[in-house]
N, C-alpha and C. Protein backbone atom coordinates (compact mmCIF):
# COMPACT_ATOMS: atom_id res chain seq x y z
N UNK A 1 112.43 100.06 91.98
CA UNK A 1 110.80 99.61 90.78
C UNK A 1 110.66 100.78 89.50
N UNK A 2 110.18 99.99 88.88
CA UNK A 2 108.98 100.69 87.75
C UNK A 2 107.68 101.53 87.42
N UNK A 3 107.26 102.30 87.40
CA UNK A 3 105.66 102.29 87.91
C UNK A 3 105.09 102.43 87.05
N UNK A 4 103.73 101.61 85.85
CA UNK A 4 103.51 102.65 84.75
C UNK A 4 102.00 102.70 85.30
N UNK A 5 101.57 103.97 84.23
CA UNK A 5 100.73 103.86 83.84
C UNK A 5 99.45 103.02 82.68
N UNK A 6 98.27 102.57 83.39
CA UNK A 6 98.09 102.25 81.35
C UNK A 6 97.44 103.11 81.03
N UNK A 7 97.86 103.94 79.98
CA UNK A 7 96.77 104.45 78.85
C UNK A 7 95.96 103.69 78.01
N UNK A 8 96.31 102.90 77.43
CA UNK A 8 94.88 102.94 76.34
C UNK A 8 95.86 101.24 76.90
N UNK A 9 94.16 100.28 76.56
CA UNK A 9 94.69 98.75 75.49
C UNK A 9 93.69 98.91 74.50
N UNK A 10 93.88 98.36 73.91
CA UNK A 10 92.80 97.54 71.87
C UNK A 10 93.75 96.40 71.92
N UNK A 11 92.84 95.82 71.86
CA UNK A 11 92.82 94.86 71.52
C UNK A 11 94.25 94.48 70.59
N UNK A 12 94.82 93.16 70.46
CA UNK A 12 95.89 92.91 69.85
C UNK A 12 95.97 91.39 68.78
N UNK A 13 94.83 90.54 68.82
CA UNK A 13 94.71 89.45 67.82
C UNK A 13 93.20 89.47 68.34
N UNK A 14 92.29 88.42 67.22
CA UNK A 14 91.08 88.25 66.90
C UNK A 14 91.30 86.71 67.47
N UNK A 15 91.41 86.55 68.40
CA UNK A 15 91.96 84.64 68.33
C UNK A 15 93.42 84.50 68.51
N UNK A 16 93.33 83.27 68.22
CA UNK A 16 94.24 82.14 67.58
C UNK A 16 94.37 81.25 67.31
N UNK A 17 93.64 81.30 66.16
CA UNK A 17 93.77 80.75 64.66
C UNK A 17 95.35 80.17 64.26
N UNK A 18 95.93 80.99 64.48
CA UNK A 18 97.34 81.54 63.19
C UNK A 18 98.42 81.71 64.98
N UNK A 19 97.88 81.61 65.94
CA UNK A 19 98.81 81.95 65.98
C UNK A 19 98.87 80.37 67.44
N UNK A 20 100.50 80.59 68.87
CA UNK A 20 100.20 79.85 69.46
C UNK A 20 99.79 80.41 70.91
N UNK A 21 99.29 81.62 70.61
CA UNK A 21 98.49 81.61 72.06
C UNK A 21 97.51 81.09 72.49
N UNK A 22 97.13 81.47 73.67
CA UNK A 22 96.00 80.45 74.31
C UNK A 22 94.36 81.01 74.13
N UNK A 23 94.02 82.40 73.20
CA UNK A 23 93.14 83.09 73.98
C UNK A 23 93.02 84.86 73.20
N UNK A 24 92.00 85.36 73.34
CA UNK A 24 93.02 86.59 72.34
C UNK A 24 93.42 87.48 73.30
N UNK A 25 94.73 87.89 72.84
CA UNK A 25 95.29 89.55 73.38
C UNK A 25 95.45 90.25 73.31
N UNK A 26 95.78 91.46 74.17
CA UNK A 26 95.83 92.62 74.19
C UNK A 26 96.58 93.73 74.68
N UNK A 27 96.24 94.35 74.06
CA UNK A 27 97.72 95.29 73.59
C UNK A 27 97.70 97.02 74.56
N UNK A 28 99.03 96.98 75.31
CA UNK A 28 98.96 97.92 76.72
C UNK A 28 100.21 98.96 76.03
N UNK A 29 99.40 100.34 75.97
CA UNK A 29 99.77 101.44 76.47
C UNK A 29 100.50 102.24 76.82
N UNK A 30 101.80 102.07 78.04
CA UNK A 30 101.96 102.19 78.96
C UNK A 30 103.26 102.94 79.57
N UNK A 31 103.20 104.48 80.60
CA UNK A 31 103.71 105.54 80.21
C UNK A 31 104.02 104.85 82.11
N UNK A 32 105.54 105.83 81.76
CA UNK A 32 106.23 105.56 83.61
C UNK A 32 106.30 107.68 83.31
N UNK A 33 105.20 107.82 85.20
CA UNK A 33 105.35 109.28 84.11
C UNK A 33 106.04 109.97 84.84
N UNK A 34 107.25 109.38 85.65
CA UNK A 34 108.18 109.74 86.27
C UNK A 34 109.57 109.74 86.10
N UNK A 35 109.08 108.54 84.43
CA UNK A 35 110.73 108.95 83.72
C UNK A 35 110.68 109.24 82.16
N UNK A 36 109.44 109.40 81.89
CA UNK A 36 108.24 109.82 80.62
C UNK A 36 108.31 108.55 79.78
N UNK A 37 109.38 107.52 79.95
CA UNK A 37 109.54 105.75 79.03
C UNK A 37 108.16 106.05 78.48
N UNK A 38 107.54 105.23 77.71
CA UNK A 38 106.72 104.35 76.68
C UNK A 38 106.89 102.86 77.18
N UNK A 39 105.66 102.90 77.16
CA UNK A 39 105.90 100.79 77.09
C UNK A 39 105.21 100.29 76.38
N UNK A 40 105.08 99.44 75.03
CA UNK A 40 103.64 98.33 74.77
C UNK A 40 104.29 96.81 74.96
N UNK A 41 103.29 96.54 75.95
CA UNK A 41 103.05 95.60 75.58
C UNK A 41 102.18 94.20 75.68
N UNK A 42 102.28 92.85 75.16
CA UNK A 42 101.19 92.55 75.15
C UNK A 42 100.74 90.93 75.76
N UNK A 43 99.74 91.44 76.38
CA UNK A 43 99.01 89.97 77.71
C UNK A 43 97.58 89.10 77.31
N UNK A 44 97.53 88.33 78.10
CA UNK A 44 96.16 87.87 77.54
C UNK A 44 95.13 88.70 77.88
N UNK A 45 93.77 87.91 77.70
CA UNK A 45 93.10 89.02 77.62
C UNK A 45 92.84 88.40 79.46
N UNK A 46 92.18 87.60 79.32
CA UNK A 46 92.13 86.75 81.44
C UNK A 46 92.85 87.03 82.31
N UNK A 47 94.32 87.37 81.32
CA UNK A 47 95.97 88.05 82.48
C UNK A 47 94.88 89.99 82.85
N UNK A 48 93.81 90.36 82.33
CA UNK A 48 94.23 91.26 83.00
C UNK A 48 92.62 91.13 83.81
N UNK A 49 91.92 90.48 82.87
CA UNK A 49 90.54 89.94 83.62
C UNK A 49 91.08 89.48 85.02
N UNK A 50 91.38 89.19 85.58
CA UNK A 50 91.76 88.42 86.54
C UNK A 50 92.43 89.14 87.47
N UNK A 51 93.84 89.88 87.75
CA UNK A 51 94.04 90.74 87.95
C UNK A 51 93.87 92.43 88.12
N UNK A 52 92.83 92.40 87.51
CA UNK A 52 91.96 94.15 87.60
C UNK A 52 92.79 94.87 86.87
N UNK A 53 92.87 95.24 86.09
CA UNK A 53 94.53 96.33 84.50
C UNK A 53 93.31 95.86 84.09
N UNK A 54 93.23 97.86 84.71
CA UNK A 54 92.18 98.60 83.23
C UNK A 54 93.18 99.91 82.85
N UNK A 55 92.28 100.67 81.74
CA UNK A 55 92.79 101.35 81.06
C UNK A 55 92.45 103.21 82.80
N UNK A 56 94.16 103.67 82.53
CA UNK A 56 93.82 104.73 84.10
C UNK A 56 94.24 103.51 85.93
N UNK A 57 95.17 102.24 85.73
CA UNK A 57 95.42 102.09 86.70
C UNK A 57 96.48 101.63 86.85
N UNK A 58 97.85 101.22 87.78
CA UNK A 58 99.19 101.79 87.25
C UNK A 58 99.58 99.78 87.42
N UNK A 59 100.34 99.56 87.23
CA UNK A 59 101.14 98.16 87.45
C UNK A 59 103.24 98.72 87.31
N UNK A 60 102.90 96.71 88.11
CA UNK A 60 104.42 96.80 87.19
C UNK A 60 104.58 95.95 87.35
N UNK A 61 105.86 95.24 86.82
CA UNK A 61 105.95 93.82 86.84
C UNK A 61 107.27 93.48 87.72
N UNK A 62 107.48 92.26 87.79
CA UNK A 62 107.99 91.15 88.83
C UNK A 62 108.91 90.74 88.38
N UNK A 63 109.47 90.39 88.64
CA UNK A 63 110.85 89.17 88.46
C UNK A 63 110.97 89.03 87.22
N UNK A 64 110.33 88.17 86.73
CA UNK A 64 110.21 87.21 85.77
C UNK A 64 109.24 87.90 84.53
N UNK A 65 108.94 89.15 84.98
CA UNK A 65 108.41 89.94 83.94
C UNK A 65 107.02 89.61 84.37
N UNK A 66 106.59 89.13 84.86
CA UNK A 66 105.56 88.66 84.47
C UNK A 66 104.52 89.86 85.28
N UNK A 67 103.51 90.70 84.74
CA UNK A 67 103.05 92.19 84.53
C UNK A 67 101.61 91.99 86.03
N UNK A 68 101.53 92.33 86.58
CA UNK A 68 100.79 92.59 88.21
C UNK A 68 100.47 94.03 88.57
N UNK A 69 99.01 94.10 88.37
CA UNK A 69 98.60 95.24 89.68
C UNK A 69 99.05 95.83 90.69
N UNK A 70 99.59 97.22 90.60
CA UNK A 70 100.06 97.39 91.89
C UNK A 70 99.26 98.39 92.90
N UNK A 71 99.34 98.52 93.97
CA UNK A 71 98.28 98.59 95.33
C UNK A 71 99.35 99.19 95.70
N UNK A 72 99.18 100.31 96.52
CA UNK A 72 99.68 100.91 97.29
C UNK A 72 98.47 101.36 98.60
N UNK A 73 98.85 100.89 99.98
CA UNK A 73 98.31 101.06 100.92
C UNK A 73 99.07 101.93 102.53
N UNK A 74 98.63 101.60 103.05
CA UNK A 74 99.11 102.19 104.00
C UNK A 74 98.14 101.55 105.42
N UNK A 75 99.68 101.20 106.50
CA UNK A 75 99.40 100.33 107.73
C UNK A 75 99.78 100.71 109.17
N UNK A 76 98.44 100.41 109.66
CA UNK A 76 99.21 101.51 111.50
C UNK A 76 99.77 100.70 112.60
N UNK A 77 101.09 100.88 112.66
CA UNK A 77 101.38 99.55 114.24
C UNK A 77 100.66 100.48 115.13
N UNK A 78 99.96 100.82 115.74
CA UNK A 78 99.25 101.59 116.19
C UNK A 78 99.94 100.50 117.62
N UNK A 79 100.36 101.69 118.52
CA UNK A 79 101.37 101.24 120.45
C UNK A 79 100.12 101.61 121.46
N UNK A 80 100.03 100.82 121.94
CA UNK A 80 99.70 101.60 123.80
C UNK A 80 100.36 102.26 124.35
N UNK A 81 101.42 103.22 124.00
CA UNK A 81 102.23 104.40 124.53
C UNK A 81 101.47 104.25 125.25
N UNK A 82 102.05 103.41 126.93
CA UNK A 82 101.77 103.40 128.29
C UNK A 82 103.56 103.04 128.87
N UNK A 83 103.69 104.29 129.70
CA UNK A 83 104.89 103.67 129.61
C UNK A 83 106.05 103.21 128.54
N UNK A 84 106.17 103.73 126.97
CA UNK A 84 106.35 103.07 126.35
C UNK A 84 105.97 102.73 125.23
N UNK A 85 106.57 102.30 124.09
CA UNK A 85 105.43 101.68 123.75
C UNK A 85 105.93 99.64 123.99
N UNK A 86 104.77 99.42 124.69
CA UNK A 86 104.31 98.31 125.70
C UNK A 86 104.56 96.86 124.81
N UNK A 87 103.00 97.34 123.38
CA UNK A 87 102.72 96.66 122.62
C UNK A 87 102.15 97.04 121.88
N UNK A 88 101.60 96.49 121.31
CA UNK A 88 100.86 96.68 119.75
C UNK A 88 99.88 96.27 119.21
N UNK A 89 98.77 96.51 118.01
CA UNK A 89 97.11 95.85 117.46
C UNK A 89 98.30 95.61 116.71
N UNK A 90 97.46 94.26 116.56
CA UNK A 90 96.91 93.42 114.99
C UNK A 90 95.79 92.71 115.26
N UNK A 91 95.44 92.40 113.64
CA UNK A 91 93.57 92.36 114.13
C UNK A 91 93.66 90.94 112.77
N UNK A 92 93.72 89.78 112.82
CA UNK A 92 93.41 89.26 112.34
C UNK A 92 92.37 88.88 110.73
N UNK A 93 92.81 88.70 109.58
CA UNK A 93 91.58 89.03 108.51
C UNK A 93 90.78 87.41 108.78
N UNK A 94 89.59 88.49 108.14
CA UNK A 94 88.05 87.49 108.48
C UNK A 94 87.94 87.27 107.09
N UNK A 95 88.64 87.70 105.34
CA UNK A 95 87.81 87.16 104.72
C UNK A 95 88.74 87.11 103.54
N UNK A 96 88.94 86.01 102.39
CA UNK A 96 89.50 86.27 101.38
C UNK A 96 90.01 84.45 101.74
N UNK A 97 91.14 84.66 100.56
CA UNK A 97 92.22 83.76 100.56
C UNK A 97 93.97 83.78 102.13
N UNK A 98 93.64 85.49 103.24
CA UNK A 98 94.51 84.47 103.37
C UNK A 98 93.64 85.05 105.09
N UNK A 99 91.95 84.24 105.14
CA UNK A 99 91.29 83.98 106.11
C UNK A 99 92.10 84.24 107.51
N UNK A 100 92.11 84.34 108.30
CA UNK A 100 92.86 83.94 109.45
C UNK A 100 94.18 83.85 109.93
N UNK A 101 94.93 84.78 109.01
CA UNK A 101 96.28 85.67 109.10
C UNK A 101 95.81 86.32 109.52
N UNK A 102 97.07 86.87 109.90
CA UNK A 102 97.69 88.26 111.04
C UNK A 102 97.90 89.98 110.06
N UNK A 103 97.61 91.01 110.66
CA UNK A 103 98.12 92.17 109.56
C UNK A 103 98.13 92.80 110.43
N UNK A 104 98.55 94.07 110.28
CA UNK A 104 98.66 95.61 111.09
C UNK A 104 97.76 95.75 109.40
N UNK A 105 96.13 97.12 110.47
CA UNK A 105 95.32 98.01 110.08
C UNK A 105 95.79 99.03 109.26
N UNK A 106 94.83 98.51 108.60
CA UNK A 106 94.83 99.86 107.45
C UNK A 106 94.89 99.71 105.30
N UNK A 107 94.97 100.34 105.28
CA UNK A 107 93.77 100.47 103.67
C UNK A 107 94.42 100.87 101.96
N UNK A 108 93.86 100.85 102.38
CA UNK A 108 94.56 102.59 100.00
C UNK A 108 94.13 103.16 101.00
N UNK A 109 95.25 104.03 99.49
CA UNK A 109 95.08 105.64 99.82
C UNK A 109 93.75 106.16 98.60
N UNK A 110 93.09 105.84 98.39
CA UNK A 110 92.68 107.14 98.08
C UNK A 110 92.73 108.11 96.93
N UNK A 111 92.85 108.27 95.27
CA UNK A 111 92.98 110.15 95.06
C UNK A 111 92.84 111.28 95.19
N UNK A 112 94.40 110.93 95.43
CA UNK A 112 94.44 113.26 96.35
C UNK A 112 94.73 112.45 97.78
N UNK A 113 94.58 111.64 98.48
CA UNK A 113 94.94 111.20 99.67
C UNK A 113 96.33 111.33 100.12
N UNK A 114 96.80 112.32 101.52
CA UNK A 114 98.20 111.79 101.52
C UNK A 114 98.02 110.11 102.84
N UNK A 115 99.92 109.74 102.45
CA UNK A 115 99.05 108.54 102.84
C UNK A 115 98.62 108.76 104.68
N UNK A 116 99.60 109.92 105.14
CA UNK A 116 97.99 109.97 106.72
C UNK A 116 97.23 110.38 106.48
N UNK A 117 96.83 110.85 105.83
CA UNK A 117 95.13 110.96 105.37
C UNK A 117 94.47 109.85 105.12
N UNK A 118 95.48 109.15 104.68
CA UNK A 118 94.25 107.89 104.39
C UNK A 118 95.12 107.03 104.86
N UNK A 119 95.77 106.51 106.37
CA UNK A 119 95.86 106.02 106.90
C UNK A 119 94.97 106.31 108.53
N UNK A 120 94.52 106.96 108.84
CA UNK A 120 93.48 108.69 109.61
C UNK A 120 92.00 107.98 108.79
N UNK A 121 91.10 107.88 107.28
CA UNK A 121 90.45 107.63 107.40
C UNK A 121 90.21 105.75 107.80
N UNK A 122 91.40 105.26 107.00
CA UNK A 122 90.82 103.75 107.06
C UNK A 122 90.60 103.13 108.22
N UNK A 123 90.84 104.06 109.66
CA UNK A 123 91.27 103.24 111.55
C UNK A 123 90.25 104.16 111.35
N UNK A 124 89.76 104.61 110.79
CA UNK A 124 88.44 105.32 111.93
C UNK A 124 87.08 104.16 111.28
N UNK A 125 87.51 104.33 110.05
CA UNK A 125 86.82 102.88 109.31
C UNK A 125 86.46 101.91 108.85
N UNK A 126 87.54 101.56 110.09
CA UNK A 126 87.74 99.54 110.34
C UNK A 126 87.32 99.67 111.69
N UNK A 127 87.54 100.65 112.49
CA UNK A 127 88.40 100.49 113.49
C UNK A 127 87.97 101.63 114.45
N UNK A 128 86.71 102.71 114.30
CA UNK A 128 85.82 103.72 115.09
C UNK A 128 86.74 104.96 115.80
N UNK A 129 88.19 104.30 115.73
CA UNK A 129 88.57 105.24 116.87
C UNK A 129 89.40 106.30 115.85
N UNK A 130 89.54 107.44 116.51
CA UNK A 130 90.38 108.58 115.52
C UNK A 130 92.36 109.01 116.65
N UNK A 131 92.81 108.42 115.25
CA UNK A 131 94.77 108.27 115.41
C UNK A 131 95.14 109.37 115.32
N UNK A 132 96.31 109.02 115.76
CA UNK A 132 97.24 110.67 115.12
C UNK A 132 99.06 109.61 114.28
N UNK A 133 98.98 109.24 113.93
CA UNK A 133 99.93 108.89 112.71
C UNK A 133 100.95 109.95 113.21
N UNK A 134 102.04 108.46 113.31
CA UNK A 134 103.96 109.15 113.39
C UNK A 134 104.55 109.37 112.39
N UNK A 135 106.00 108.75 113.25
CA UNK A 135 106.95 107.95 112.66
C UNK A 135 107.41 107.04 111.37
N UNK A 136 106.92 107.29 110.43
CA UNK A 136 107.09 106.47 109.02
C UNK A 136 108.27 105.10 109.15
N UNK A 137 107.73 104.15 109.44
CA UNK A 137 109.01 102.74 110.34
C UNK A 137 109.52 102.21 108.98
N UNK A 138 108.54 101.86 107.34
CA UNK A 138 108.82 101.15 107.23
C UNK A 138 108.66 101.61 105.45
N UNK A 139 108.43 101.36 104.73
CA UNK A 139 107.65 100.90 102.71
C UNK A 139 108.25 99.75 102.49
N UNK A 140 107.24 99.13 103.10
CA UNK A 140 107.17 97.45 102.10
C UNK A 140 106.61 97.71 100.55
N UNK A 141 107.52 96.88 99.99
CA UNK A 141 107.56 96.56 98.50
C UNK A 141 107.12 95.20 98.18
N UNK A 142 106.29 94.17 97.91
CA UNK A 142 106.06 93.21 97.75
C UNK A 142 105.23 92.04 96.65
N UNK A 143 105.49 91.20 95.68
CA UNK A 143 105.46 91.20 95.06
C UNK A 143 103.84 90.03 95.97
N UNK A 144 102.76 89.32 95.91
CA UNK A 144 101.66 88.51 95.74
C UNK A 144 102.38 87.67 94.01
N UNK A 145 101.23 87.12 93.70
CA UNK A 145 100.65 86.03 92.10
C UNK A 145 100.09 87.31 91.40
N UNK A 146 99.01 87.94 92.23
CA UNK A 146 98.42 89.25 91.09
C UNK A 146 98.66 90.50 91.27
N UNK A 147 99.43 90.90 92.84
CA UNK A 147 99.45 91.91 92.58
C UNK A 147 100.72 92.55 92.95
N UNK A 148 101.14 93.80 93.40
CA UNK A 148 102.50 93.73 94.08
C UNK A 148 101.55 94.24 94.05
N UNK A 149 102.38 94.88 96.12
CA UNK A 149 101.81 95.40 96.76
C UNK A 149 102.72 95.94 97.43
N UNK A 150 102.66 98.41 97.05
CA UNK A 150 102.98 99.21 98.27
C UNK A 150 102.87 99.13 99.44
N UNK A 151 102.89 99.27 100.60
CA UNK A 151 103.05 99.41 101.67
C UNK A 151 103.68 100.34 102.08
N UNK A 152 103.06 101.80 102.71
CA UNK A 152 103.44 103.09 104.41
C UNK A 152 103.49 102.81 105.66
N UNK A 153 104.23 101.90 106.60
CA UNK A 153 104.15 101.51 107.69
C UNK A 153 104.20 102.71 108.33
N UNK A 154 103.36 103.38 109.52
CA UNK A 154 103.54 103.32 110.31
C UNK A 154 103.55 103.87 111.87
N UNK A 155 104.23 103.75 112.54
CA UNK A 155 103.89 104.53 114.10
C UNK A 155 102.37 106.06 114.06
N UNK A 156 101.52 105.00 115.44
CA UNK A 156 100.87 105.60 115.57
C UNK A 156 100.43 105.13 117.13
N UNK A 157 99.12 106.05 117.35
CA UNK A 157 98.19 106.30 118.80
C UNK A 157 96.70 106.30 118.35
N UNK A 158 95.56 105.58 119.54
CA UNK A 158 95.11 105.89 119.65
C UNK A 158 94.34 108.35 120.14
N UNK A 159 93.80 108.08 119.88
CA UNK A 159 93.76 110.46 120.78
C UNK A 159 92.67 110.52 120.21
N UNK A 160 91.91 110.02 119.59
CA UNK A 160 89.78 109.85 120.59
C UNK A 160 89.45 108.17 120.24
N UNK A 161 89.05 107.57 120.85
CA UNK A 161 87.41 107.26 120.59
C UNK A 161 88.45 105.53 121.81
N UNK A 162 87.58 104.27 121.50
CA UNK A 162 87.50 102.95 121.67
C UNK A 162 87.50 101.96 120.70
N UNK A 163 89.36 100.94 120.16
CA UNK A 163 89.39 100.40 119.09
C UNK A 163 88.33 99.42 118.65
N UNK A 164 87.30 99.38 117.39
CA UNK A 164 86.33 98.21 117.80
C UNK A 164 86.24 98.18 116.04
N UNK A 165 86.11 96.58 116.46
CA UNK A 165 86.45 95.39 114.70
C UNK A 165 85.25 95.81 114.69
N UNK A 166 84.93 96.22 113.23
CA UNK A 166 84.16 96.49 112.68
C UNK A 166 84.60 95.03 110.82
N UNK A 167 85.31 94.91 110.40
CA UNK A 167 86.15 94.26 109.42
C UNK A 167 86.39 93.33 110.02
N UNK A 168 87.04 92.67 110.32
CA UNK A 168 88.19 92.08 111.03
C UNK A 168 87.56 90.86 112.11
N UNK A 169 88.83 89.76 112.47
CA UNK A 169 87.86 88.40 113.21
C UNK A 169 88.75 88.74 114.45
N UNK A 170 89.47 88.89 114.27
CA UNK A 170 89.94 88.94 115.39
C UNK A 170 90.97 90.32 115.80
N UNK A 171 91.19 90.82 117.12
CA UNK A 171 92.30 91.91 117.19
C UNK A 171 93.42 91.62 118.36
N UNK A 172 94.17 91.11 119.03
CA UNK A 172 94.97 91.23 120.04
C UNK A 172 96.33 92.52 120.54
N UNK A 173 96.73 92.98 121.38
CA UNK A 173 97.74 93.56 121.50
C UNK A 173 98.54 92.82 121.36
N UNK A 174 99.94 92.78 120.80
CA UNK A 174 100.97 91.62 121.43
C UNK A 174 102.18 92.50 122.03
N UNK A 175 103.12 91.82 122.25
CA UNK A 175 104.96 92.55 123.22
C UNK A 175 105.34 92.22 122.45
N UNK A 176 106.53 93.36 122.41
CA UNK A 176 108.06 92.47 121.86
C UNK A 176 107.62 91.02 121.35
N UNK A 177 107.99 90.23 122.32
CA UNK A 177 108.41 88.25 122.86
C UNK A 177 106.86 88.07 122.06
N UNK A 178 105.99 88.44 121.48
CA UNK A 178 104.28 87.89 121.43
C UNK A 178 104.84 88.35 119.72
N UNK A 179 105.27 88.96 119.62
CA UNK A 179 105.40 88.68 117.92
C UNK A 179 105.38 87.69 116.91
N UNK A 180 106.11 86.69 117.83
CA UNK A 180 105.98 85.42 116.33
C UNK A 180 104.69 84.38 117.61
N UNK A 181 103.71 84.51 118.07
CA UNK A 181 102.88 84.57 118.40
C UNK A 181 100.98 84.23 117.14
N UNK A 182 102.27 84.51 116.74
CA UNK A 182 100.37 84.95 115.47
C UNK A 182 101.15 84.89 113.41
N UNK A 183 100.12 84.59 112.84
CA UNK A 183 100.50 83.64 111.68
C UNK A 183 100.82 85.19 111.02
N UNK A 184 101.79 86.12 110.25
CA UNK A 184 100.97 87.33 109.65
C UNK A 184 101.06 87.07 108.05
N UNK A 185 100.39 87.67 107.61
CA UNK A 185 100.91 87.46 106.39
C UNK A 185 101.85 88.47 106.26
N UNK A 186 102.89 87.38 104.34
CA UNK A 186 103.65 87.36 103.44
C UNK A 186 104.66 89.74 103.85
N UNK A 187 103.47 89.75 103.88
CA UNK A 187 103.60 91.33 103.25
C UNK A 187 104.28 92.22 104.46
N UNK A 188 103.76 91.53 105.50
CA UNK A 188 104.30 91.84 106.72
C UNK A 188 105.31 91.81 107.34
N UNK A 189 105.88 90.73 106.85
CA UNK A 189 107.28 90.18 108.29
C UNK A 189 108.14 90.37 108.20
N UNK A 190 108.73 91.53 106.70
CA UNK A 190 109.65 92.35 107.50
C UNK A 190 109.68 93.51 107.71
N UNK A 191 108.24 93.52 108.33
CA UNK A 191 107.94 95.17 109.47
C UNK A 191 107.79 94.57 110.52
N UNK A 192 107.52 92.96 110.55
CA UNK A 192 108.29 92.65 111.99
C UNK A 192 108.70 91.82 111.83
N UNK A 193 110.01 91.29 111.60
CA UNK A 193 111.74 91.68 111.95
C UNK A 193 112.28 93.06 111.84
N UNK A 194 111.43 94.02 112.01
CA UNK A 194 112.50 95.07 111.72
C UNK A 194 111.63 96.22 112.88
N UNK A 195 110.11 95.45 112.91
CA UNK A 195 109.74 96.00 114.81
C UNK A 195 110.39 95.55 115.58
N UNK A 196 111.03 93.73 115.90
CA UNK A 196 112.34 92.72 116.47
C UNK A 196 113.50 93.46 116.83
N UNK A 197 113.86 94.42 116.07
CA UNK A 197 115.38 94.77 116.46
C UNK A 197 115.03 96.03 116.44
N UNK A 198 114.59 97.16 116.33
CA UNK A 198 114.56 98.69 116.25
C UNK A 198 113.19 99.03 117.85
N UNK A 199 112.64 98.11 118.36
CA UNK A 199 111.02 98.28 118.64
C UNK A 199 111.84 98.88 120.11
N UNK A 200 111.66 99.59 121.00
CA UNK A 200 112.54 99.86 122.78
C UNK A 200 111.25 100.06 123.56
């Protein structure tokens, strides 16, 4: 997948008087920092506003050519580690359009952080506990309607404190047999299926 940085945004025209466009357009100057490819695209200003795309952000394109904000996050599959991995920790989202859906806890990677550092910080902020991040299980690439999610998923265990909910609606410890008992976020489904076949 090609990821671009938005280097500059300028006005493409002054409206729709002499065009078939529905509103003001913006011209985006994009740079693929891995390949040094430069790309110029035009998008409706309303699309940029709706999707939170601005200068300095990263973007990608879905299979239909629609521009999406690129969001990189991490998620923890926290195990109980009692006689091996018997149960894992999942949380129920308590806000937004996916309220009531279940996910593995985690969050965004901030500038200058490694994925492991970001995950340790996010779990401490959201669940108050200190974790040890272990092996990478899977990196999920998923297109939502307005953004592309790149999610590094790691095994983890609690090394200090207890898991206390500060943001989530609810939480459960799930066995391998319980994985289908909750409604998972779309981006978490591939990881769930991997756990079903690889979790021992």
